[in-house]
Amino acid sequence: MERGYWIRSKPVYSTLVWQQQANAHIVLVEGSAGGLAAMKLFQQMHPEHPTKVLYARNPVVQQDLSIPLSKVVPDALLMFETTDESLVAFEAHLSTACMGLRIYVAGSERFIWQVAQMADKYGIDDSDIIKELVGTLARPIYCVHCKTISYEAHTNIKKCDGCGKQLFVRDHFSRRLGAYMGLMVDAEDPGQIPSIEEIYP
């Protein structure tokens, strides 16, 4: 069994902390939990270098932190209704960014790795991205059988959105794909599906 063992590829997340050696900062947050992470980040200090905050109100927020955030960073906050919109703005920012940019992201694993993959396209090293997992532990799953990525896996077994196979949600993670590996659970005993449990609320 994988659980209880350290999986080398499994991402390790932290809380957002300012990187003092940066020449510029961009903070991307998703939903109310991400907004709260940004508020805590700015409680540490207000950086002297240029700073932007991209706040995506997606999924539907339980608490809209746009007003308190706008008071904390009145000239740096950009609001978006969806994560897709915030990612478009992020890419536009990357296209003109200079060396020394540090990226901070707080949200679901899907959102975190969308940000990381986009940054990678512009030559930004993964070590320059500070990641905080908030809001949900739901996992993106890559089906090794049909190569479909399914999202919002809350249970140890999830049906693939592509081929329909029941996949065991592993702890092995691909940074290139931004997803955990999913293997067919009943390959040796067709139809024998273990009990399904919610473990990623």
Protein backbone atom coordinates (compact mmCIF):
# COMPACT_ATOMS: atom_id res chain seq x y z
CA MET A 1 0.00 0.00 0.00
CA GLU A 2 1.21 3.52 -0.77
CA ARG A 3 -0.31 5.37 2.13
CA GLY A 4 2.02 5.70 5.08
CA TYR A 5 5.12 5.74 2.84
CA TRP A 6 6.91 8.78 1.49
CA ILE A 7 6.25 9.02 -2.24
CA ARG A 8 9.13 10.81 -3.94
CA SER A 9 7.00 12.38 -6.68
CA LYS A 10 4.18 13.55 -4.40
CA PRO A 11 4.16 17.36 -4.12
CA VAL A 12 4.90 18.96 -0.79
CA TYR A 13 3.07 22.23 -0.21
CA SER A 14 3.77 25.02 2.26
CA THR A 15 2.20 28.34 3.25
CA LEU A 16 2.83 31.46 1.21
CA VAL A 17 5.92 33.36 2.39
CA TRP A 18 7.54 36.32 0.65
CA GLN A 19 10.81 35.65 -1.13
CA GLN A 20 13.13 38.51 -0.25
CA GLN A 21 15.46 38.04 -3.24
CA ALA A 22 12.67 38.76 -5.75
CA ASN A 23 12.53 41.78 -8.05
CA ALA A 24 8.78 41.44 -8.55
CA HIS A 25 5.91 39.35 -7.17
CA ILE A 26 2.70 37.97 -8.62
CA VAL A 27 0.14 36.28 -6.37
CA LEU A 28 -2.57 34.03 -7.84
CA VAL A 29 -5.38 32.84 -5.58
CA GLU A 30 -8.54 30.80 -6.10
CA GLY A 31 -11.77 31.16 -4.16
CA SER A 32 -12.28 32.35 -0.60
CA ALA A 33 -9.61 30.02 0.82
CA GLY A 34 -7.08 31.40 -1.63
CA GLY A 35 -8.16 34.94 -0.80
CA LEU A 36 -7.56 34.23 2.87
CA ALA A 37 -4.08 32.89 2.06
CA ALA A 38 -3.34 36.17 0.26
CA MET A 39 -4.57 38.18 3.24
CA LYS A 40 -2.22 36.23 5.51
CA LEU A 41 0.64 36.77 3.07
CA PHE A 42 0.19 40.55 3.20
CA GLN A 43 0.03 40.45 6.99
CA GLN A 44 3.71 39.47 6.86
CA MET A 45 4.67 42.67 5.03
CA HIS A 46 4.03 44.77 1.93
CA PRO A 47 6.85 44.20 -0.58
CA GLU A 48 8.71 47.21 -1.93
CA HIS A 49 9.02 45.62 -5.37
CA PRO A 50 6.16 45.58 -7.92
CA THR A 51 3.37 43.23 -6.84
CA LYS A 52 0.20 41.99 -8.53
CA VAL A 53 -2.63 39.88 -7.06
CA LEU A 54 -4.89 37.88 -9.40
CA TYR A 55 -7.96 36.74 -7.49
CA ALA A 56 -10.21 34.15 -9.19
CA ARG A 57 -13.65 33.80 -7.61
CA ASN A 58 -13.90 30.20 -8.74
CA PRO A 59 -15.26 27.90 -7.47
CA VAL A 60 -18.21 29.85 -6.04
CA VAL A 61 -16.90 31.59 -2.96
CA GLN A 62 -18.48 31.21 0.43
CA GLN A 63 -16.88 34.46 1.49
CA ASP A 64 -15.91 37.14 -1.02
CA LEU A 65 -12.60 38.62 0.10
CA SER A 66 -12.31 41.09 -2.77
CA ILE A 67 -13.29 44.07 -0.61
CA PRO A 68 -10.80 43.44 2.24
CA LEU A 69 -8.10 42.54 -0.30
CA SER A 70 -8.75 45.73 -2.24
CA LYS A 71 -8.12 47.68 0.97
CA VAL A 72 -4.86 45.83 1.57
CA VAL A 73 -3.57 46.09 -2.02
CA PRO A 74 -5.72 48.81 -3.64
CA ASP A 75 -3.47 49.29 -6.67
CA ALA A 76 -2.41 45.69 -7.19
CA LEU A 77 -5.63 43.61 -7.15
CA LEU A 78 -7.19 42.21 -10.31
CA MET A 79 -10.50 40.34 -9.94
CA PHE A 80 -11.73 37.51 -12.18
CA GLU A 81 -14.89 35.42 -12.18
CA THR A 82 -13.10 32.21 -13.22
CA THR A 83 -9.68 30.64 -12.91
CA ASP A 84 -9.46 30.48 -16.72
CA GLU A 85 -9.74 34.27 -16.89
CA SER A 86 -7.07 34.71 -14.24
CA LEU A 87 -4.75 32.33 -16.12
CA VAL A 88 -5.15 34.36 -19.33
CA ALA A 89 -4.13 37.48 -17.40
CA PHE A 90 -1.25 35.58 -15.81
CA GLU A 91 0.11 34.54 -19.19
CA ALA A 92 -0.11 38.12 -20.44
CA HIS A 93 1.90 39.18 -17.39
CA LEU A 94 4.50 36.45 -18.01
CA SER A 95 5.00 37.57 -21.60
CA THR A 96 6.43 40.88 -20.35
CA ALA A 97 7.98 39.72 -17.06
CA CYS A 98 11.65 40.23 -16.23
CA MET A 99 14.16 38.08 -14.39
CA GLY A 100 13.66 37.89 -10.64
CA LEU A 101 9.89 37.36 -10.69
CA ARG A 102 8.54 35.17 -7.89
CA ILE A 103 5.14 33.50 -8.17
CA TYR A 104 2.83 32.67 -5.27
CA VAL A 105 -0.25 30.49 -5.80
CA ALA A 106 -2.94 29.29 -3.38
CA GLY A 107 -5.83 27.11 -4.48
CA SER A 108 -6.75 23.58 -5.54
CA GLU A 109 -4.12 21.22 -6.95
CA ARG A 110 -5.65 21.64 -10.39
CA PHE A 111 -5.19 25.42 -10.20
CA ILE A 112 -1.71 25.23 -8.67
CA TRP A 113 -0.37 23.04 -11.44
CA GLN A 114 -2.08 25.01 -14.20
CA VAL A 115 -0.10 27.98 -12.91
CA ALA A 116 3.12 25.94 -12.69
CA GLN A 117 2.73 24.54 -16.21
CA MET A 118 2.12 27.98 -17.66
CA ALA A 119 5.15 29.40 -15.84
CA ASP A 120 7.26 26.54 -17.18
CA LYS A 121 6.39 27.58 -20.74
CA TYR A 122 8.14 30.89 -20.02
CA GLY A 123 11.23 29.28 -18.51
CA ILE A 124 10.35 29.91 -14.87
CA ASP A 125 11.76 27.23 -12.59
CA ASP A 126 9.40 25.34 -10.31
CA SER A 127 11.50 26.43 -7.32
CA ASP A 128 10.47 30.03 -8.02
CA ILE A 129 6.80 29.18 -7.36
CA ILE A 130 5.56 29.10 -3.78
CA LYS A 131 2.50 26.84 -3.54
CA GLU A 132 -0.18 26.57 -0.87
CA LEU A 133 -2.90 23.94 -1.20
CA VAL A 134 -6.20 25.34 0.10
CA GLY A 135 -9.94 24.88 -0.30
CA THR A 136 -10.08 21.24 -1.37
CA LEU A 137 -7.87 18.17 -1.45
CA ALA A 138 -9.58 16.89 -4.61
CA ARG A 139 -7.05 15.44 -7.03
CA PRO A 140 -6.63 15.61 -10.81
CA ILE A 141 -6.17 12.05 -12.11
CA TYR A 142 -4.34 10.91 -15.25
CA CYS A 143 -5.64 7.67 -16.73
CA VAL A 144 -2.63 5.62 -17.86
CA HIS A 145 -4.95 3.63 -20.14
CA CYS A 146 -6.57 6.35 -22.29
CA LYS A 147 -4.46 9.39 -21.26
CA THR A 148 -7.46 11.44 -20.12
CA ILE A 149 -7.12 13.74 -17.12
CA SER A 150 -10.18 13.67 -14.86
CA TYR A 151 -10.67 16.30 -12.18
CA GLU A 152 -12.24 16.53 -8.74
CA ALA A 153 -11.31 13.06 -7.46
CA HIS A 154 -12.48 13.00 -3.85
CA THR A 155 -12.35 9.23 -3.39
CA ASN A 156 -9.71 6.50 -3.53
CA ILE A 157 -11.35 5.18 -6.72
CA LYS A 158 -12.71 7.35 -9.53
CA LYS A 159 -14.34 6.56 -12.86
CA CYS A 160 -12.27 7.88 -15.76
CA ASP A 161 -14.04 10.63 -17.68
CA GLY A 162 -12.53 9.25 -20.89
CA CYS A 163 -12.66 5.47 -21.06
CA GLY A 164 -14.95 4.86 -18.08
CA LYS A 165 -12.54 2.52 -16.27
CA GLN A 166 -12.58 2.56 -12.49
CA LEU A 167 -9.20 4.01 -11.49
CA PHE A 168 -7.26 3.61 -8.29
CA VAL A 169 -6.02 7.09 -7.32
CA ARG A 170 -2.31 6.74 -6.61
CA ASP A 171 0.03 9.06 -4.73
CA HIS A 172 2.50 9.10 -7.63
CA PHE A 173 2.35 12.53 -9.26
CA SER A 174 3.52 13.90 -12.62
CA ARG A 175 4.53 17.57 -12.59
CA ARG A 176 4.56 17.55 -16.40
CA LEU A 177 0.92 16.45 -16.48
CA GLY A 178 -0.13 18.15 -13.25
CA ALA A 179 -1.97 15.02 -12.13
CA TYR A 180 -1.78 11.84 -10.07
CA MET A 181 -1.58 8.49 -11.81
CA GLY A 182 -4.76 6.42 -12.08
CA LEU A 183 -4.68 2.67 -12.71
CA MET A 184 -7.58 0.33 -13.47
CA VAL A 185 -8.55 -1.30 -10.17
CA ASP A 186 -10.12 -4.46 -11.57
CA ALA A 187 -7.67 -5.33 -14.34
CA GLU A 188 -6.95 -8.77 -12.85
CA ASP A 189 -10.46 -9.40 -11.50
CA PRO A 190 -12.97 -7.65 -13.78
CA GLY A 191 -15.92 -6.23 -11.90
CA GLN A 192 -14.29 -6.65 -8.48
CA ILE A 193 -14.24 -3.05 -7.24
CA PRO A 194 -12.91 -2.40 -3.72
CA SER A 195 -14.95 -0.21 -1.38
CA ILE A 196 -14.93 3.44 -2.37
CA GLU A 197 -14.02 5.91 0.36
CA GLU A 198 -13.85 9.70 0.42
CA ILE A 199 -10.28 10.62 1.37
CA TYR A 200 -9.76 13.89 -0.53
CA PRO A 201 -12.54 16.21 0.77
